[in-house]
């Protein structure tokens, strides 16, 4: 509708919609508090009274009630006629040990580290510089190295977020043609192990920095994949390990500007055989004014890492600069798309 056209009586006034958007961070911080306290975990078996929850979480009863009442008003938790609070489908995503858990992601994204960057968004808009770096005096990656607990939390959050999209990836792309897949920046290896589970003939290599790779080793041993998957430590800005016919990068390229992204892709290109396949798992921005999680995620990259989300056309150009031809972009039942490219 044109903004000059009269509104109908059934439409919500624009000022009300804008007010809700402006106060959106109130909801985000309420989610953070509930996730940090682990409230959803305590409600796994049955609803609990406010007094029970306050005793478990060591919180102030009246304030805890105000928190849960606010969250229940947006569908997170529910209060019954006996004044007990229980889980809803939204609240269940904040449980720790459930498939697709978003608890650690909520704690990481909504905690102090990301608020430093987002509170300085205007600096990025005015200068093009990384907002977090300007405030913290270092990159987010250096911050995670210096503050190991924050680094662990970030890794846990990425692992839990990966778990929520792995099924979507596996059901959307056929990996059976590959002998060995190399997960570049593969973390603890959840993507590779999901592929190995679904495709018994495929082998894997996890490539990441030394501080991360030890966790991958223990995970492979625990899941029984040590005989089908090896781990290699290194820095993808310097080189990438050879040995695979498919190279996977999940949520790696979006962390970097075009220059650094091309450097990573060129190292993959050099490590690959002539007929190798490159697979990027990223959020692809749609054209026009369509609502898109990727457009907001792109702002997060701007303020936190200096990276960016990209359109299909931008990926095509980026890949060509690194020696690849984009062959297809496959949407999945998640915000992630599979971007396939071949070495040229």
Protein backbone atom coordinates (compact mmCIF):
# COMPACT_ATOMS: atom_id res chain seq x y z
CA UNK A 1 0.00 0.00 0.00
CA UNK A 2 1.23 3.51 -0.80
CA UNK A 3 2.01 5.44 2.39
CA UNK A 4 -0.31 8.23 1.19
CA UNK A 5 -3.30 5.93 0.92
CA UNK A 6 -5.80 5.94 3.81
CA UNK A 7 -5.55 2.93 6.12
CA UNK A 8 -8.46 0.61 6.78
CA UNK A 9 -9.86 0.09 10.26
CA UNK A 10 -8.45 -3.44 10.43
CA UNK A 11 -4.84 -2.38 9.89
CA UNK A 12 -2.47 -1.89 12.80
CA UNK A 13 -1.30 1.74 12.92
CA UNK A 14 2.23 2.19 11.61
CA UNK A 15 3.25 3.88 14.86
CA UNK A 16 2.26 0.75 16.81
CA UNK A 17 4.29 -1.45 14.49
CA UNK A 18 7.28 0.87 14.76
CA UNK A 19 6.97 0.98 18.56
CA UNK A 20 7.13 -2.81 18.65
CA UNK A 21 10.23 -2.79 16.43
CA UNK A 22 11.96 -0.15 18.54
CA UNK A 23 11.39 -2.17 21.70
CA UNK A 24 12.47 -5.43 20.07
CA UNK A 25 15.68 -5.55 22.05
CA UNK A 26 13.62 -5.79 25.23
CA UNK A 27 12.42 -9.19 24.06
CA UNK A 28 15.95 -10.18 23.04
CA UNK A 29 17.35 -9.38 26.46
CA UNK A 30 14.50 -11.23 28.18
CA UNK A 31 15.37 -14.28 26.04
CA UNK A 32 19.03 -13.87 27.05
CA UNK A 33 18.16 -13.83 30.75
CA UNK A 34 15.98 -16.94 30.47
CA UNK A 35 18.65 -18.76 28.44
CA UNK A 36 21.42 -17.79 30.84
CA UNK A 37 19.36 -19.02 33.81
CA UNK A 38 18.59 -22.29 32.03
CA UNK A 39 14.89 -22.01 32.82
CA UNK A 40 13.77 -24.17 29.88
CA UNK A 41 15.89 -27.06 31.15
CA UNK A 42 14.16 -26.99 34.53
CA UNK A 43 10.75 -27.27 32.86
CA UNK A 44 11.60 -30.28 30.71
CA UNK A 45 9.60 -32.82 32.73
CA UNK A 46 6.71 -30.69 33.97
CA UNK A 47 5.60 -27.11 34.72
CA UNK A 48 6.91 -25.52 37.90
CA UNK A 49 5.69 -22.82 40.23
CA UNK A 50 7.40 -19.48 40.39
CA UNK A 51 8.70 -20.30 43.86
CA UNK A 52 10.26 -23.53 42.62
CA UNK A 53 11.95 -21.81 39.68
CA UNK A 54 13.21 -18.95 41.83
CA UNK A 55 14.76 -21.40 44.30
CA UNK A 56 16.48 -23.36 41.54
CA UNK A 57 17.81 -20.30 39.72
CA UNK A 58 18.56 -18.18 42.83
CA UNK A 59 16.47 -15.28 41.57
CA UNK A 60 14.15 -12.63 43.01
CA UNK A 61 10.61 -14.03 42.87
CA UNK A 62 8.70 -10.87 41.82
CA UNK A 63 11.31 -10.00 39.16
CA UNK A 64 11.42 -13.54 37.83
CA UNK A 65 7.64 -13.45 37.47
CA UNK A 66 7.82 -10.23 35.46
CA UNK A 67 10.42 -11.83 33.18
CA UNK A 68 8.39 -14.98 32.57
CA UNK A 69 5.13 -13.06 32.18
CA UNK A 70 6.71 -10.89 29.49
CA UNK A 71 8.14 -13.90 27.66
CA UNK A 72 4.82 -15.76 27.90
CA UNK A 73 3.16 -12.78 26.20
CA UNK A 74 5.23 -13.48 23.08
CA UNK A 75 4.79 -17.25 23.15
CA UNK A 76 7.93 -18.16 25.11
CA UNK A 77 6.77 -20.18 28.15
CA UNK A 78 3.13 -20.33 29.27
CA UNK A 79 1.46 -19.73 32.62
CA UNK A 80 -1.40 -22.05 33.57
CA UNK A 81 -4.39 -21.49 35.85
CA UNK A 82 -2.35 -22.72 38.83
CA UNK A 83 0.31 -20.05 38.19
CA UNK A 84 2.83 -22.65 37.04
CA UNK A 85 5.07 -21.99 34.07
CA UNK A 86 5.68 -24.59 31.38
CA UNK A 87 7.34 -25.01 28.02
CA UNK A 88 5.98 -23.91 24.68
CA UNK A 89 7.49 -24.91 21.30
CA UNK A 90 9.45 -21.64 21.31
CA UNK A 91 10.66 -22.09 24.86
CA UNK A 92 11.76 -25.67 24.10
CA UNK A 93 14.37 -24.34 21.66
CA UNK A 94 16.16 -22.87 24.70
CA UNK A 95 16.72 -26.30 26.26
CA UNK A 96 20.37 -27.35 26.29
CA UNK A 97 20.38 -30.93 25.09
CA UNK A 98 17.74 -31.02 22.36
CA UNK A 99 18.24 -31.24 18.59
CA UNK A 100 18.52 -27.74 17.20
CA UNK A 101 19.00 -26.10 20.61
CA UNK A 102 19.44 -22.35 20.40
CA UNK A 103 20.35 -21.79 24.04
CA UNK A 104 24.08 -21.19 23.58
CA UNK A 105 23.44 -19.18 20.44
CA UNK A 106 21.09 -16.91 22.41
CA UNK A 107 23.63 -16.47 25.21
CA UNK A 108 26.46 -15.73 22.77
CA UNK A 109 24.56 -13.43 20.41
CA UNK A 110 22.68 -11.51 23.09
CA UNK A 111 25.49 -11.18 25.61
CA UNK A 112 27.91 -8.34 26.19
CA UNK A 113 30.25 -9.14 23.30
CA UNK A 114 27.72 -8.62 20.53
CA UNK A 115 26.11 -5.68 22.29
CA UNK A 116 29.47 -3.89 22.12
CA UNK A 117 29.42 -4.15 18.35
CA UNK A 118 25.74 -3.43 17.78
CA UNK A 119 25.83 -0.45 20.13
CA UNK A 120 28.40 1.05 17.77
CA UNK A 121 26.54 0.31 14.51
CA UNK A 122 26.46 3.98 13.55
CA UNK A 123 30.27 3.99 13.42
CA UNK A 124 30.21 1.26 10.78
CA UNK A 125 27.54 3.10 8.77
CA UNK A 126 29.56 6.31 8.77
CA UNK A 127 33.02 4.84 8.17
CA UNK A 128 32.65 1.31 6.81
CA UNK A 129 34.88 0.13 9.64
CA UNK A 130 34.15 -2.78 12.00
CA UNK A 131 32.13 -1.48 14.95
CA UNK A 132 33.36 -4.10 17.41
CA UNK A 133 37.02 -3.47 16.59
CA UNK A 134 36.51 0.25 17.16
CA UNK A 135 35.08 -0.30 20.64
CA UNK A 136 37.14 -3.28 21.80
CA UNK A 137 40.46 -2.32 20.23
CA UNK A 138 40.82 -5.77 18.69
CA UNK A 139 39.01 -8.10 16.29
CA UNK A 140 36.31 -10.43 17.53
CA UNK A 141 38.60 -13.36 16.71
CA UNK A 142 41.43 -11.94 18.84
CA UNK A 143 38.89 -11.29 21.59
CA UNK A 144 37.87 -14.95 21.58
CA UNK A 145 41.52 -16.03 21.79
CA UNK A 146 42.18 -13.64 24.67
CA UNK A 147 38.93 -14.52 26.47
CA UNK A 148 38.79 -18.30 26.27
CA UNK A 149 35.40 -18.65 27.99
CA UNK A 150 33.79 -16.33 25.45
CA UNK A 151 35.54 -18.28 22.71
CA UNK A 152 34.18 -21.57 24.03
CA UNK A 153 30.69 -20.13 24.25
CA UNK A 154 30.93 -18.93 20.65
CA UNK A 155 32.07 -22.39 19.49
CA UNK A 156 29.21 -24.03 21.41
CA UNK A 157 26.76 -21.59 19.88
CA UNK A 158 28.00 -22.38 16.37
CA UNK A 159 27.78 -26.10 17.10
CA UNK A 160 24.18 -25.81 18.30
CA UNK A 161 23.26 -23.58 15.37
CA UNK A 162 24.84 -26.06 12.98
CA UNK A 163 22.81 -28.87 14.52
CA UNK A 164 19.61 -26.99 13.71
CA UNK A 165 20.46 -26.79 9.99
CA UNK A 166 22.36 -30.05 9.39
CA UNK A 167 19.26 -32.06 8.55
CA UNK A 168 18.22 -29.38 6.05
CA UNK A 169 21.64 -29.58 4.36
CA UNK A 170 21.79 -33.38 4.25
CA UNK A 171 18.30 -33.72 2.75
CA UNK A 172 18.94 -31.02 0.13
CA UNK A 173 22.23 -32.11 -1.44
CA UNK A 174 23.53 -35.49 -2.65
CA UNK A 175 27.05 -36.16 -1.32
CA UNK A 176 27.25 -39.73 -2.65
CA UNK A 177 29.45 -38.80 -5.63
CA UNK A 178 32.36 -37.78 -3.38
CA UNK A 179 35.10 -39.98 -1.98
CA UNK A 180 36.50 -37.50 0.57
CA UNK A 181 34.99 -34.24 1.79
CA UNK A 182 37.18 -31.60 3.43
CA UNK A 183 35.42 -29.31 5.91
CA UNK A 184 37.44 -26.09 5.88
CA UNK A 185 37.03 -24.33 9.22
CA UNK A 186 35.05 -27.38 10.29
CA UNK A 187 35.17 -26.79 14.04
CA UNK A 188 34.29 -29.86 16.07
CA UNK A 189 33.15 -31.66 12.93
CA UNK A 190 29.36 -31.85 13.16
CA UNK A 191 28.86 -31.22 9.43
CA UNK A 192 31.32 -33.92 8.39
CA UNK A 193 30.00 -36.48 10.84
CA UNK A 194 26.45 -35.86 9.63
CA UNK A 195 27.59 -36.55 6.08
CA UNK A 196 29.46 -39.68 7.16
CA UNK A 197 26.37 -40.98 8.95
CA UNK A 198 24.20 -40.47 5.86
CA UNK A 199 26.79 -41.74 3.34
CA UNK A 200 28.73 -44.78 4.64
CA UNK A 201 31.22 -44.81 1.73
CA UNK A 202 32.33 -41.18 2.13
CA UNK A 203 35.43 -40.23 4.11
CA UNK A 204 36.18 -36.89 5.73
CA UNK A 205 38.88 -34.42 6.70
CA UNK A 206 38.35 -31.64 9.23
CA UNK A 207 40.64 -28.64 8.75
CA UNK A 208 40.81 -25.94 11.43
CA UNK A 209 43.13 -24.06 13.76
CA UNK A 210 45.06 -26.04 16.41
CA UNK A 211 43.00 -24.77 19.37
CA UNK A 212 39.82 -26.17 17.82
CA UNK A 213 41.08 -29.38 16.28
CA UNK A 214 41.61 -31.25 19.57
CA UNK A 215 37.90 -31.08 20.32
CA UNK A 216 37.22 -32.49 16.86
CA UNK A 217 39.51 -35.46 17.55
CA UNK A 218 37.71 -36.39 20.76
CA UNK A 219 34.34 -36.01 19.07
CA UNK A 220 35.31 -38.34 16.23
CA UNK A 221 36.53 -40.94 18.70
CA UNK A 222 33.34 -40.74 20.73
CA UNK A 223 31.13 -41.15 17.66
CA UNK A 224 33.18 -43.95 16.13
CA UNK A 225 34.33 -42.03 13.05
CA UNK A 226 38.07 -41.86 13.77
CA UNK A 227 38.74 -44.50 11.09
CA UNK A 228 36.85 -42.56 8.40
CA UNK A 229 37.80 -38.99 9.24
CA UNK A 230 41.14 -37.33 9.92
CA UNK A 231 41.88 -33.92 11.38
CA UNK A 232 44.45 -31.45 10.08
CA UNK A 233 45.41 -28.19 11.74
CA UNK A 234 46.28 -25.07 9.80
CA UNK A 235 45.32 -21.55 8.82
CA UNK A 236 43.10 -21.21 5.74
CA UNK A 237 44.66 -17.83 4.93
CA UNK A 238 47.99 -19.59 4.44
CA UNK A 239 47.00 -22.88 2.82
CA UNK A 240 44.33 -25.58 2.83
CA UNK A 241 45.03 -29.29 3.14
CA UNK A 242 44.84 -31.33 -0.09
CA UNK A 243 43.21 -34.74 -0.41
CA UNK A 244 39.54 -34.10 -1.03
CA UNK A 245 37.31 -34.08 -4.08
CA UNK A 246 34.81 -31.79 -2.34
CA UNK A 247 35.68 -28.78 -0.17
CA UNK A 248 33.02 -27.54 2.24
CA UNK A 249 32.86 -24.11 3.88
CA UNK A 250 29.90 -23.53 6.18
CA UNK A 251 29.43 -19.99 7.47
CA UNK A 252 33.06 -19.21 6.68
CA UNK A 253 33.02 -16.90 3.67
CA UNK A 254 30.43 -14.55 5.17
CA UNK A 255 32.86 -13.71 7.99
CA UNK A 256 35.20 -11.88 5.64
CA UNK A 257 35.34 -9.03 3.16
CA UNK A 258 35.83 -9.81 -0.51
CA UNK A 259 39.63 -9.63 -0.41
CA UNK A 260 40.00 -12.09 2.46
CA UNK A 261 37.18 -14.32 1.16
CA UNK A 262 38.91 -14.61 -2.21
CA UNK A 263 42.20 -15.48 -0.46
CA UNK A 264 40.50 -18.38 1.35
CA UNK A 265 38.80 -19.57 -1.83
CA UNK A 266 42.05 -19.41 -3.81
CA UNK A 267 43.74 -21.61 -1.22
CA UNK A 268 40.89 -24.11 -1.59
CA UNK A 269 41.31 -23.89 -5.37
CA UNK A 270 45.02 -24.67 -5.07
CA UNK A 271 44.38 -27.66 -2.79
CA UNK A 272 41.71 -29.21 -5.04
CA UNK A 273 42.07 -31.57 -7.95
CA UNK A 274 41.08 -30.27 -11.38
CA UNK A 275 37.62 -31.81 -11.12
CA UNK A 276 36.99 -30.82 -7.52
CA UNK A 277 33.73 -29.38 -6.21
CA UNK A 278 33.38 -26.44 -3.85
CA UNK A 279 30.32 -26.25 -1.59
CA UNK A 280 29.51 -23.12 0.39
CA UNK A 281 26.74 -23.20 2.97
CA UNK A 282 25.62 -19.62 3.40
CA UNK A 283 22.56 -17.40 3.63
CA UNK A 284 21.93 -15.98 0.16
CA UNK A 285 20.27 -12.56 0.11
CA UNK A 286 17.19 -12.34 -2.14
CA UNK A 287 16.70 -9.30 -4.39
CA UNK A 288 14.27 -6.46 -3.74
CA UNK A 289 12.45 -5.61 -0.53
CA UNK A 290 11.57 -9.18 0.44
CA UNK A 291 11.89 -9.97 4.13
CA UNK A 292 15.09 -11.94 4.75
CA UNK A 293 16.99 -13.15 7.81
CA UNK A 294 20.11 -12.74 5.67
CA UNK A 295 19.67 -8.98 5.38
CA UNK A 296 19.81 -8.62 9.16
CA UNK A 297 22.60 -11.19 9.46
CA UNK A 298 24.50 -9.04 6.97
CA UNK A 299 24.37 -6.14 9.44
CA UNK A 300 25.71 -8.46 12.13
CA UNK A 301 28.65 -9.27 9.89
CA UNK A 302 29.22 -5.56 9.27
CA UNK A 303 29.47 -4.65 12.94
CA UNK A 304 31.19 -7.79 14.26
CA UNK A 305 33.59 -9.15 11.63
CA UNK A 306 33.70 -6.85 8.62
CA UNK A 307 32.25 -9.69 6.57
CA UNK A 308 28.99 -9.74 4.67
CA UNK A 309 26.13 -11.82 3.35
CA UNK A 310 25.88 -11.85 -0.43
CA UNK A 311 23.41 -12.20 -3.27
CA UNK A 312 23.70 -15.01 -5.80
CA UNK A 313 25.21 -12.58 -8.29
CA UNK A 314 27.79 -11.42 -5.75
CA UNK A 315 28.77 -15.01 -5.04
CA UNK A 316 29.14 -15.65 -8.75
CA UNK A 317 31.59 -12.75 -9.11
CA UNK A 318 33.47 -13.68 -5.93
CA UNK A 319 33.89 -17.28 -7.06
CA UNK A 320 35.09 -16.26 -10.53
CA UNK A 321 37.84 -14.14 -8.96
CA UNK A 322 39.02 -17.27 -7.12
CA UNK A 323 38.89 -19.56 -10.16
CA UNK A 324 35.49 -21.18 -9.71
CA UNK A 325 32.32 -21.30 -11.79
CA UNK A 326 29.07 -21.17 -9.82
CA UNK A 327 26.91 -24.06 -11.03
CA UNK A 328 23.84 -23.95 -8.81
CA UNK A 329 22.31 -22.48 -5.67
CA UNK A 330 20.08 -24.93 -3.82
CA UNK A 331 17.69 -23.60 -1.16
CA UNK A 332 17.17 -25.76 1.94
CA UNK A 333 14.38 -25.86 4.55
CA UNK A 334 16.46 -23.42 6.62
CA UNK A 335 18.00 -19.96 6.10
CA UNK A 336 21.02 -21.72 4.52
CA UNK A 337 21.48 -22.42 0.82
CA UNK A 338 23.99 -24.79 -0.78
CA UNK A 339 26.19 -22.89 -3.24
CA UNK A 340 27.90 -25.32 -5.61
CA UNK A 341 30.89 -24.33 -7.74
CA UNK A 342 33.41 -26.16 -9.91
CA UNK A 343 37.09 -25.46 -10.39
CA UNK A 344 37.93 -23.80 -13.71
